[in-house]
Amino acid sequence: MNSRWGLSLAAGLALIALPVAASDAVESSKEFEVEMPVGVDLARSVILELSDVQLPRMASVVLRVRSLESVAGTVTELPLGSIGLLAESRSAEGVTHHPVVRIEITKRLKRWRQDHPGISTLRIRVVPFAGADPLPTLKWSAASARLSLSGS
C-alpha cells in the first residue's frame, strides 16, 4: 500500500511541476541579467524595473517574473513577483508604450538571497500570462531590466 501512495505522490508532484517546466517553451518570454545593487540586503523594498515596455493595446497581460538558476544542467525557476497591465479594449489596434513597469519582488528575492549571499547578478525570465495560462505568441518587448531599492 505504501508503494502505491509513493507513486501517486510522485505523479502528483510531477504534475505540479509541469507549469514551471513548460514555461521554458514560451517563445514570448524575455530573459534578462540584472546586477544586484549595493545595499540590496538592507533595502526595505526591491523593485524590478522594466524599461520601454510595449504591448498590444488589445491585450490584458500579467507579467510574471522568475529567477533562473542552472545547477548541473537543470534550470530551476523561482517566482519573484508579477504585475497586471490592462488592455485599452478588445478591439484596440496598435501598441501601447509604458516607459517603466515596476514589479515589487522584495520578499521572494530576500529569501533567495539567504541561499545565495555572494551572487552579484540575477538571471530572470519575464513571462506574459492571461489568467493561469502563458501567452506563447504575444508580441511584446522590454528594452532593459534593473533592480532599484528604497528604504535602505
N, C-alpha and C. Protein backbone atom coordinates (compact mmCIF):
# COMPACT_ATOMS: atom_id res chain seq x y z
N MET A 1 0.82 -1.20 0.00
CA MET A 1 0.00 0.00 0.00
C MET A 1 0.86 1.26 0.00
N ASN A 2 1.95 1.27 0.76
CA ASN A 2 2.80 2.44 0.84
C ASN A 2 3.47 2.76 -0.49
N SER A 3 3.82 1.71 -1.28
CA SER A 3 4.47 1.98 -2.57
C SER A 3 3.48 2.64 -3.53
N ARG A 4 2.22 2.27 -3.48
CA ARG A 4 1.21 2.92 -4.33
C ARG A 4 1.05 4.39 -3.95
N TRP A 5 1.03 4.64 -2.65
CA TRP A 5 0.91 6.02 -2.19
C TRP A 5 2.11 6.82 -2.66
N GLY A 6 3.30 6.25 -2.59
CA GLY A 6 4.51 6.94 -3.03
C GLY A 6 4.47 7.24 -4.52
N LEU A 7 3.99 6.29 -5.32
CA LEU A 7 3.86 6.52 -6.76
C LEU A 7 2.84 7.61 -7.06
N SER A 8 1.73 7.59 -6.33
CA SER A 8 0.71 8.63 -6.51
C SER A 8 1.26 10.00 -6.15
N LEU A 9 2.00 10.06 -5.06
CA LEU A 9 2.60 11.32 -4.64
C LEU A 9 3.59 11.82 -5.68
N ALA A 10 4.43 10.92 -6.19
CA ALA A 10 5.41 11.31 -7.21
C ALA A 10 4.72 11.81 -8.48
N ALA A 11 3.66 11.13 -8.90
CA ALA A 11 2.93 11.55 -10.09
C ALA A 11 2.28 12.92 -9.87
N GLY A 12 1.72 13.14 -8.68
CA GLY A 12 1.10 14.42 -8.37
C GLY A 12 2.12 15.55 -8.36
N LEU A 13 3.29 15.31 -7.77
CA LEU A 13 4.33 16.33 -7.75
C LEU A 13 4.83 16.63 -9.16
N ALA A 14 4.91 15.62 -10.00
CA ALA A 14 5.32 15.86 -11.39
C ALA A 14 4.32 16.75 -12.10
N LEU A 15 3.04 16.55 -11.85
CA LEU A 15 2.01 17.39 -12.48
C LEU A 15 2.10 18.82 -11.98
N ILE A 16 2.39 19.00 -10.70
CA ILE A 16 2.52 20.34 -10.15
C ILE A 16 3.70 21.06 -10.79
N ALA A 17 4.76 20.34 -11.06
CA ALA A 17 5.97 20.94 -11.63
C ALA A 17 5.83 21.26 -13.11
N LEU A 18 4.86 20.69 -13.80
CA LEU A 18 4.73 20.90 -15.23
C LEU A 18 4.61 22.36 -15.65
N PRO A 19 3.80 23.21 -15.00
CA PRO A 19 3.71 24.59 -15.46
C PRO A 19 5.05 25.32 -15.42
N VAL A 20 5.87 25.07 -14.41
CA VAL A 20 7.16 25.74 -14.33
C VAL A 20 8.07 25.25 -15.43
N ALA A 21 8.12 23.94 -15.65
CA ALA A 21 8.97 23.40 -16.71
C ALA A 21 8.46 23.81 -18.08
N ALA A 22 7.15 23.90 -18.25
CA ALA A 22 6.58 24.26 -19.54
C ALA A 22 6.87 25.70 -19.91
N SER A 23 7.13 26.56 -18.93
CA SER A 23 7.37 27.96 -19.25
C SER A 23 8.64 28.14 -20.08
N ASP A 24 9.56 27.17 -20.03
CA ASP A 24 10.77 27.25 -20.84
C ASP A 24 10.43 27.37 -22.32
N ALA A 25 9.33 26.75 -22.75
CA ALA A 25 8.98 26.70 -24.15
C ALA A 25 8.21 27.93 -24.62
N VAL A 26 7.86 28.84 -23.72
CA VAL A 26 7.08 30.01 -24.09
C VAL A 26 7.97 30.97 -24.86
N GLU A 27 7.72 31.05 -26.16
CA GLU A 27 8.59 31.87 -27.01
C GLU A 27 8.44 33.37 -26.75
N SER A 28 7.35 33.78 -26.12
CA SER A 28 7.16 35.21 -25.87
C SER A 28 7.85 35.68 -24.58
N SER A 29 8.47 34.77 -23.84
CA SER A 29 9.15 35.19 -22.62
C SER A 29 10.44 35.95 -22.97
N LYS A 30 10.84 36.81 -22.06
CA LYS A 30 12.07 37.60 -22.23
C LYS A 30 12.98 37.30 -21.04
N GLU A 31 14.28 37.19 -21.31
CA GLU A 31 15.25 36.94 -20.25
C GLU A 31 16.20 38.12 -20.12
N PHE A 32 16.57 38.41 -18.87
CA PHE A 32 17.48 39.50 -18.55
C PHE A 32 18.44 39.04 -17.47
N GLU A 33 19.59 39.69 -17.41
CA GLU A 33 20.51 39.52 -16.30
C GLU A 33 20.62 40.87 -15.62
N VAL A 34 20.31 40.91 -14.32
CA VAL A 34 20.32 42.17 -13.58
C VAL A 34 21.39 42.14 -12.50
N GLU A 35 22.01 43.29 -12.29
CA GLU A 35 23.04 43.45 -11.26
C GLU A 35 22.35 43.63 -9.90
N MET A 36 22.93 43.02 -8.87
CA MET A 36 22.46 43.24 -7.51
C MET A 36 23.00 44.59 -7.05
N PRO A 37 22.15 45.55 -6.74
CA PRO A 37 22.64 46.86 -6.30
C PRO A 37 23.28 46.78 -4.91
N VAL A 38 24.20 47.67 -4.65
CA VAL A 38 24.80 47.77 -3.32
C VAL A 38 23.68 48.08 -2.34
N GLY A 39 23.63 47.36 -1.23
CA GLY A 39 22.61 47.59 -0.20
C GLY A 39 21.34 46.79 -0.39
N VAL A 40 21.32 45.87 -1.34
CA VAL A 40 20.09 45.11 -1.61
C VAL A 40 19.61 44.35 -0.37
N ASP A 41 20.54 43.86 0.44
CA ASP A 41 20.14 43.08 1.62
C ASP A 41 19.54 43.93 2.73
N LEU A 42 19.81 45.23 2.73
CA LEU A 42 19.30 46.12 3.76
C LEU A 42 18.09 46.93 3.31
N ALA A 43 17.76 46.87 2.04
CA ALA A 43 16.67 47.68 1.50
C ALA A 43 15.32 47.23 2.04
N ARG A 44 14.44 48.18 2.27
CA ARG A 44 13.08 47.87 2.70
C ARG A 44 12.27 47.31 1.53
N SER A 45 12.59 47.81 0.32
CA SER A 45 11.83 47.41 -0.86
C SER A 45 12.77 47.23 -2.06
N VAL A 46 12.56 46.14 -2.81
CA VAL A 46 13.33 45.89 -4.03
C VAL A 46 12.32 45.82 -5.18
N ILE A 47 12.56 46.64 -6.20
CA ILE A 47 11.66 46.74 -7.34
C ILE A 47 12.42 46.37 -8.61
N LEU A 48 11.83 45.50 -9.42
CA LEU A 48 12.35 45.23 -10.74
C LEU A 48 11.72 46.24 -11.69
N GLU A 49 12.56 46.99 -12.38
CA GLU A 49 12.07 47.99 -13.33
C GLU A 49 12.35 47.51 -14.75
N LEU A 50 11.28 47.35 -15.53
CA LEU A 50 11.41 47.04 -16.95
C LEU A 50 11.22 48.35 -17.69
N SER A 51 12.15 48.68 -18.58
CA SER A 51 12.05 49.94 -19.31
C SER A 51 11.53 49.73 -20.72
N ASP A 52 10.86 50.76 -21.22
CA ASP A 52 10.38 50.80 -22.60
C ASP A 52 9.58 49.55 -22.96
N VAL A 53 8.55 49.27 -22.17
CA VAL A 53 7.71 48.08 -22.39
C VAL A 53 6.64 48.43 -23.42
N GLN A 54 6.51 47.58 -24.42
CA GLN A 54 5.50 47.76 -25.45
C GLN A 54 4.65 46.49 -25.55
N LEU A 55 3.33 46.71 -25.52
CA LEU A 55 2.35 45.61 -25.55
C LEU A 55 1.24 45.96 -26.53
N PRO A 56 0.59 44.94 -27.09
CA PRO A 56 -0.59 45.23 -27.92
C PRO A 56 -1.68 45.89 -27.08
N ARG A 57 -2.34 46.89 -27.64
CA ARG A 57 -3.38 47.62 -26.90
C ARG A 57 -4.58 46.75 -26.54
N MET A 58 -4.81 45.68 -27.28
CA MET A 58 -5.97 44.84 -27.03
C MET A 58 -5.69 43.70 -26.06
N ALA A 59 -4.47 43.65 -25.46
CA ALA A 59 -4.11 42.52 -24.60
C ALA A 59 -3.99 42.94 -23.14
N SER A 60 -4.80 42.31 -22.28
CA SER A 60 -4.58 42.42 -20.83
C SER A 60 -3.59 41.33 -20.48
N VAL A 61 -2.55 41.68 -19.74
CA VAL A 61 -1.45 40.75 -19.52
C VAL A 61 -1.01 40.82 -18.07
N VAL A 62 -0.62 39.66 -17.53
CA VAL A 62 0.07 39.60 -16.26
C VAL A 62 1.51 39.22 -16.59
N LEU A 63 2.46 40.07 -16.23
CA LEU A 63 3.87 39.77 -16.43
C LEU A 63 4.38 39.12 -15.15
N ARG A 64 4.79 37.85 -15.25
CA ARG A 64 5.31 37.11 -14.10
C ARG A 64 6.82 37.01 -14.21
N VAL A 65 7.50 37.35 -13.13
CA VAL A 65 8.95 37.35 -13.09
C VAL A 65 9.43 36.15 -12.29
N ARG A 66 10.42 35.45 -12.86
CA ARG A 66 11.01 34.29 -12.19
C ARG A 66 12.52 34.39 -12.25
N SER A 67 13.17 33.96 -11.17
CA SER A 67 14.63 33.86 -11.21
C SER A 67 14.95 32.53 -11.89
N LEU A 68 16.09 32.50 -12.58
CA LEU A 68 16.54 31.28 -13.26
C LEU A 68 17.88 30.88 -12.66
N GLU A 69 17.99 29.61 -12.33
CA GLU A 69 19.25 29.11 -11.79
C GLU A 69 19.55 27.78 -12.46
N SER A 70 20.77 27.65 -12.96
CA SER A 70 21.19 26.43 -13.62
C SER A 70 22.14 25.67 -12.71
N VAL A 71 21.74 24.46 -12.33
CA VAL A 71 22.56 23.60 -11.49
C VAL A 71 22.66 22.24 -12.16
N ALA A 72 23.87 21.84 -12.48
CA ALA A 72 24.14 20.54 -13.11
C ALA A 72 23.29 20.34 -14.37
N GLY A 73 23.15 21.39 -15.16
CA GLY A 73 22.42 21.29 -16.43
C GLY A 73 20.92 21.39 -16.31
N THR A 74 20.39 21.52 -15.09
CA THR A 74 18.96 21.64 -14.89
C THR A 74 18.63 23.07 -14.48
N VAL A 75 17.70 23.69 -15.19
CA VAL A 75 17.29 25.07 -14.87
C VAL A 75 16.09 25.02 -13.94
N THR A 76 16.22 25.69 -12.80
CA THR A 76 15.10 25.81 -11.88
C THR A 76 14.64 27.25 -11.86
N GLU A 77 13.36 27.43 -11.59
CA GLU A 77 12.76 28.76 -11.57
C GLU A 77 12.11 29.00 -10.22
N LEU A 78 12.24 30.24 -9.75
CA LEU A 78 11.59 30.65 -8.53
C LEU A 78 10.76 31.89 -8.82
N PRO A 79 9.45 31.84 -8.57
CA PRO A 79 8.63 33.04 -8.80
C PRO A 79 9.08 34.17 -7.90
N LEU A 80 9.22 35.37 -8.47
CA LEU A 80 9.64 36.55 -7.70
C LEU A 80 8.52 37.56 -7.52
N GLY A 81 7.68 37.74 -8.54
CA GLY A 81 6.62 38.73 -8.45
C GLY A 81 5.89 38.85 -9.78
N SER A 82 4.84 39.66 -9.79
CA SER A 82 4.06 39.84 -11.01
C SER A 82 3.33 41.18 -10.97
N ILE A 83 2.86 41.57 -12.15
CA ILE A 83 2.06 42.80 -12.26
C ILE A 83 1.07 42.61 -13.40
N GLY A 84 -0.13 43.14 -13.23
CA GLY A 84 -1.15 43.10 -14.28
C GLY A 84 -1.21 44.41 -15.03
N LEU A 85 -1.29 44.33 -16.34
CA LEU A 85 -1.43 45.51 -17.20
C LEU A 85 -2.70 45.35 -18.01
N LEU A 86 -3.60 46.32 -17.95
CA LEU A 86 -4.90 46.21 -18.60
C LEU A 86 -4.85 46.63 -20.06
N ALA A 87 -5.73 46.02 -20.85
CA ALA A 87 -5.89 46.39 -22.26
C ALA A 87 -6.72 47.66 -22.34
N GLU A 88 -6.58 48.38 -23.45
CA GLU A 88 -7.45 49.53 -23.69
C GLU A 88 -8.85 49.05 -24.03
N SER A 89 -8.94 48.09 -24.94
CA SER A 89 -10.20 47.43 -25.29
C SER A 89 -9.88 46.23 -26.16
N ARG A 90 -10.86 45.33 -26.32
CA ARG A 90 -10.67 44.14 -27.16
C ARG A 90 -10.41 44.49 -28.61
N SER A 91 -10.99 45.57 -29.05
CA SER A 91 -10.88 45.93 -30.46
C SER A 91 -9.78 46.96 -30.75
N ALA A 92 -9.05 47.38 -29.72
CA ALA A 92 -7.99 48.38 -29.92
C ALA A 92 -6.88 47.82 -30.81
N GLU A 93 -6.37 48.66 -31.66
CA GLU A 93 -5.27 48.26 -32.55
C GLU A 93 -4.01 48.99 -32.14
N GLY A 94 -2.89 48.45 -32.55
CA GLY A 94 -1.62 49.11 -32.29
C GLY A 94 -0.98 48.66 -31.00
N VAL A 95 -0.03 49.48 -30.56
CA VAL A 95 0.81 49.14 -29.41
C VAL A 95 0.72 50.24 -28.37
N THR A 96 0.69 49.84 -27.11
CA THR A 96 0.77 50.81 -26.03
C THR A 96 2.19 50.79 -25.46
N HIS A 97 2.66 51.94 -25.05
CA HIS A 97 4.03 52.08 -24.57
C HIS A 97 4.02 52.47 -23.09
N HIS A 98 4.76 51.72 -22.28
CA HIS A 98 4.96 52.03 -20.86
C HIS A 98 6.44 52.37 -20.68
N PRO A 99 6.77 53.62 -20.38
CA PRO A 99 8.19 53.97 -20.21
C PRO A 99 8.88 53.10 -19.16
N VAL A 100 8.19 52.83 -18.03
CA VAL A 100 8.73 51.96 -16.98
C VAL A 100 7.58 51.15 -16.38
N VAL A 101 7.82 49.85 -16.19
CA VAL A 101 6.90 48.98 -15.47
C VAL A 101 7.65 48.49 -14.24
N ARG A 102 7.06 48.73 -13.06
CA ARG A 102 7.71 48.37 -11.79
C ARG A 102 7.01 47.16 -11.17
N ILE A 103 7.83 46.18 -10.78
CA ILE A 103 7.30 44.94 -10.19
C ILE A 103 8.00 44.74 -8.85
N GLU A 104 7.21 44.69 -7.79
CA GLU A 104 7.75 44.52 -6.43
C GLU A 104 8.17 43.06 -6.24
N ILE A 105 9.43 42.84 -5.84
CA ILE A 105 9.94 41.46 -5.69
C ILE A 105 10.65 41.27 -4.35
N THR A 106 10.43 42.12 -3.39
CA THR A 106 11.20 42.16 -2.15
C THR A 106 11.24 40.84 -1.40
N LYS A 107 10.10 40.30 -1.01
CA LYS A 107 10.06 39.12 -0.13
C LYS A 107 10.76 37.92 -0.73
N ARG A 108 10.42 37.59 -1.94
CA ARG A 108 10.99 36.38 -2.54
C ARG A 108 12.47 36.56 -2.88
N LEU A 109 12.87 37.76 -3.29
CA LEU A 109 14.28 38.00 -3.57
C LEU A 109 15.10 37.89 -2.29
N LYS A 110 14.59 38.42 -1.19
CA LYS A 110 15.33 38.34 0.07
C LYS A 110 15.46 36.89 0.54
N ARG A 111 14.44 36.08 0.33
CA ARG A 111 14.55 34.65 0.67
C ARG A 111 15.60 33.98 -0.21
N TRP A 112 15.58 34.31 -1.50
CA TRP A 112 16.56 33.75 -2.43
C TRP A 112 17.97 34.16 -2.02
N ARG A 113 18.15 35.41 -1.61
CA ARG A 113 19.47 35.93 -1.22
C ARG A 113 20.02 35.21 0.01
N GLN A 114 19.17 34.69 0.87
CA GLN A 114 19.64 33.94 2.04
C GLN A 114 20.45 32.72 1.60
N ASP A 115 20.03 32.08 0.51
CA ASP A 115 20.73 30.90 -0.01
C ASP A 115 21.83 31.27 -1.00
N HIS A 116 21.87 32.51 -1.48
CA HIS A 116 22.82 32.96 -2.49
C HIS A 116 23.43 34.31 -2.09
N PRO A 117 24.10 34.38 -0.93
CA PRO A 117 24.54 35.69 -0.44
C PRO A 117 25.63 36.36 -1.27
N GLY A 118 26.46 35.63 -1.96
CA GLY A 118 27.57 36.24 -2.67
C GLY A 118 27.33 36.52 -4.13
N ILE A 119 26.13 36.24 -4.63
CA ILE A 119 25.84 36.39 -6.05
C ILE A 119 25.65 37.87 -6.38
N SER A 120 26.32 38.32 -7.45
CA SER A 120 26.24 39.74 -7.81
C SER A 120 25.28 40.02 -8.97
N THR A 121 24.86 38.97 -9.69
CA THR A 121 23.88 39.14 -10.77
C THR A 121 22.79 38.09 -10.63
N LEU A 122 21.65 38.40 -11.19
CA LEU A 122 20.49 37.52 -11.14
C LEU A 122 19.94 37.38 -12.54
N ARG A 123 19.75 36.15 -12.97
CA ARG A 123 19.14 35.88 -14.27
C ARG A 123 17.64 35.73 -14.05
N ILE A 124 16.85 36.47 -14.83
CA ILE A 124 15.40 36.42 -14.66
C ILE A 124 14.72 36.15 -16.01
N ARG A 125 13.51 35.64 -15.91
CA ARG A 125 12.65 35.45 -17.08
C ARG A 125 11.32 36.13 -16.77
N VAL A 126 10.83 36.90 -17.75
CA VAL A 126 9.53 37.55 -17.63
C VAL A 126 8.61 36.87 -18.63
N VAL A 127 7.52 36.31 -18.13
CA VAL A 127 6.60 35.54 -18.96
C VAL A 127 5.22 36.21 -18.93
N PRO A 128 4.65 36.52 -20.10
CA PRO A 128 3.30 37.09 -20.12
C PRO A 128 2.24 36.00 -19.96
N PHE A 129 1.25 36.27 -19.12
CA PHE A 129 0.15 35.34 -18.85
C PHE A 129 -1.18 36.03 -19.07
N ALA A 130 -2.20 35.23 -19.39
CA ALA A 130 -3.60 35.65 -19.36
C ALA A 130 -4.26 34.68 -18.39
N GLY A 131 -4.56 35.13 -17.19
CA GLY A 131 -5.06 34.24 -16.17
C GLY A 131 -3.98 33.24 -15.78
N ALA A 132 -4.31 31.95 -15.80
CA ALA A 132 -3.36 30.91 -15.42
C ALA A 132 -2.52 30.41 -16.59
N ASP A 133 -2.82 30.90 -17.80
CA ASP A 133 -2.15 30.37 -19.00
C ASP A 133 -1.13 31.35 -19.56
N PRO A 134 0.08 30.84 -19.88
CA PRO A 134 1.05 31.71 -20.55
C PRO A 134 0.56 32.07 -21.94
N LEU A 135 0.99 33.22 -22.43
CA LEU A 135 0.65 33.67 -23.78
C LEU A 135 1.87 33.41 -24.67
N PRO A 136 1.93 32.25 -25.30
CA PRO A 136 3.15 31.84 -26.00
C PRO A 136 3.51 32.67 -27.22
N THR A 137 2.54 33.33 -27.84
CA THR A 137 2.85 34.06 -29.08
C THR A 137 2.62 35.56 -28.97
N LEU A 138 2.47 36.07 -27.77
CA LEU A 138 2.26 37.51 -27.59
C LEU A 138 3.49 38.27 -28.06
N LYS A 139 3.27 39.27 -28.91
CA LYS A 139 4.37 40.12 -29.37
C LYS A 139 4.46 41.33 -28.45
N TRP A 140 5.51 41.34 -27.64
CA TRP A 140 5.73 42.43 -26.71
C TRP A 140 7.24 42.61 -26.57
N SER A 141 7.64 43.71 -25.95
CA SER A 141 9.07 43.95 -25.78
C SER A 141 9.33 44.76 -24.52
N ALA A 142 10.54 44.62 -24.03
CA ALA A 142 11.07 45.43 -22.93
C ALA A 142 12.54 45.67 -23.26
N ALA A 143 12.97 46.92 -23.21
CA ALA A 143 14.34 47.25 -23.61
C ALA A 143 15.37 46.77 -22.60
N SER A 144 15.07 46.90 -21.30
CA SER A 144 16.05 46.52 -20.29
C SER A 144 15.36 46.25 -18.97
N ALA A 145 16.14 45.70 -18.03
CA ALA A 145 15.65 45.44 -16.69
C ALA A 145 16.74 45.83 -15.70
N ARG A 146 16.31 46.34 -14.53
CA ARG A 146 17.25 46.66 -13.47
C ARG A 146 16.53 46.60 -12.14
N LEU A 147 17.30 46.43 -11.07
CA LEU A 147 16.74 46.43 -9.73
C LEU A 147 16.94 47.81 -9.11
N SER A 148 15.91 48.32 -8.45
CA SER A 148 16.03 49.58 -7.72
C SER A 148 15.62 49.33 -6.27
N LEU A 149 16.16 50.14 -5.38
CA LEU A 149 15.95 49.98 -3.95
C LEU A 149 15.28 51.19 -3.36
N SER A 150 14.54 50.96 -2.26
CA SER A 150 14.03 52.08 -1.49
C SER A 150 14.11 51.70 -0.01
N GLY A 151 14.29 52.68 0.82
CA GLY A 151 14.33 52.46 2.27
C GLY A 151 15.56 51.74 2.75
N SER A 152 16.70 51.89 2.06
CA SER A 152 17.91 51.20 2.52
C SER A 152 18.63 52.00 3.58
